[in-house]
Protein backbone atom coordinates (compact mmCIF):
# COMPACT_ATOMS: atom_id res chain seq x y z
CA MET A 1 -1.01 14.70 0.19
CA THR A 2 -3.47 11.77 0.20
CA ARG A 3 -4.07 12.25 -3.41
CA TRP A 4 -0.55 12.04 -4.16
CA ILE A 5 -0.12 8.80 -2.32
CA LEU A 6 -3.08 7.14 -3.83
CA SER A 7 -2.34 8.36 -7.37
CA ARG A 8 -0.14 6.43 -9.78
CA PRO A 9 3.23 8.15 -9.56
CA GLU A 10 3.26 8.73 -13.29
CA THR A 11 0.10 10.63 -13.24
CA LEU A 12 1.66 13.37 -10.74
CA THR A 13 3.01 16.58 -12.28
CA GLU A 14 6.78 16.93 -11.80
CA ILE A 15 6.15 19.42 -8.98
CA GLU A 16 3.75 17.04 -7.24
CA GLN A 17 6.42 14.23 -7.53
CA LEU A 18 9.20 16.37 -6.09
CA ARG A 19 6.90 17.75 -3.20
CA LEU A 20 5.92 14.19 -2.32
CA LYS A 21 9.50 13.02 -2.45
CA ALA A 22 10.60 15.78 -0.15
CA VAL A 23 7.74 14.92 2.36
CA LEU A 24 8.48 11.27 2.40
CA ALA A 25 12.26 11.88 2.71
CA ASN A 26 11.51 13.64 6.14
CA CYS A 27 9.00 11.19 7.39
CA PRO A 28 9.86 7.48 7.41
CA GLU A 29 6.49 6.44 8.54
CA LEU A 30 4.79 8.07 5.71
CA ASP A 31 7.22 6.79 3.33
CA ALA A 32 6.66 3.20 4.61
CA LEU A 33 2.86 3.76 4.54
CA THR A 34 3.10 4.97 0.89
CA GLY A 35 5.07 1.92 -0.21
CA HIS A 36 2.31 -0.38 1.21
CA VAL A 37 -0.51 1.51 -0.28
CA ARG A 38 1.16 1.55 -3.59
CA SER A 39 1.88 -2.27 -3.34
CA PHE A 40 -1.66 -3.03 -2.45
CA ALA A 41 -2.94 -1.04 -5.23
CA GLN A 42 -0.68 -2.92 -7.65
CA MET A 43 -1.88 -6.27 -6.28
CA LEU A 44 -5.52 -4.92 -6.93
CA THR A 45 -5.15 -3.60 -10.36
CA GLU A 46 -2.85 -6.47 -11.60
CA ARG A 47 -4.97 -9.14 -9.95
CA GLU A 48 -1.93 -10.46 -7.90
CA GLY A 49 -3.72 -11.84 -4.80
CA GLU A 50 -1.09 -14.49 -4.48
CA ARG A 51 1.11 -11.68 -3.16
CA LEU A 52 -1.14 -10.87 -0.17
CA PRO A 53 0.57 -13.14 2.38
CA GLN A 54 3.89 -11.42 1.62
CA TRP A 55 2.24 -7.86 1.77
CA LEU A 56 0.84 -8.59 5.29
CA ASP A 57 4.15 -9.82 6.59
CA ALA A 58 5.81 -6.58 5.23
CA VAL A 59 3.13 -4.42 6.84
CA ARG A 60 3.59 -6.33 10.12
CA GLN A 61 7.25 -5.55 10.02
CA ASP A 62 6.76 -1.62 10.07
CA ASP A 63 5.55 0.32 13.08
CA LEU A 64 2.34 1.41 11.69
CA PRO A 65 -0.52 0.63 14.08
CA SER A 66 -3.32 1.58 11.67
CA LEU A 67 -1.93 -0.73 9.19
CA HIS A 68 -1.59 -3.51 11.62
CA THR A 69 -5.34 -3.24 12.31
CA LEU A 70 -6.04 -3.43 8.70
CA ALA A 71 -3.82 -6.42 8.36
CA ALA A 72 -5.64 -8.24 11.06
CA GLY A 73 -8.83 -7.58 9.60
CA ILE A 74 -7.65 -8.85 6.22
CA ASP A 75 -6.25 -11.89 7.95
CA ARG A 76 -9.49 -12.99 9.39
CA ASP A 77 -10.90 -13.58 5.83
CA ARG A 78 -7.53 -14.11 3.86
CA ASP A 79 -8.99 -16.52 1.51
CA ALA A 80 -11.89 -14.20 0.46
CA VAL A 81 -9.53 -11.19 0.15
CA ILE A 82 -7.00 -13.31 -1.98
CA ALA A 83 -9.95 -14.35 -4.22
CA GLY A 84 -11.19 -10.71 -4.51
CA LEU A 85 -7.64 -9.65 -5.56
CA THR A 86 -7.32 -12.41 -8.00
CA LEU A 87 -10.52 -13.34 -9.61
CA PRO A 88 -12.40 -11.24 -12.29
């Protein structure tokens, strides 16, 4: 399950995609987590650090305490994290 969430969707087999879709349809929290993980991965791979403030706001709007802890940690050093997500 973790691998499915952390993988690029296009790299999953059709069966894996269908299974992940079924699980996410039955668990709104996991569906929200998956969206946040993939959005963060896109920021990282596409060097879009300027999106971090919006990502943090979106994370805080969901009832995902683990991600709230991560967001608080990122916020303590926001400028450095944005630089890390932006600069080569």
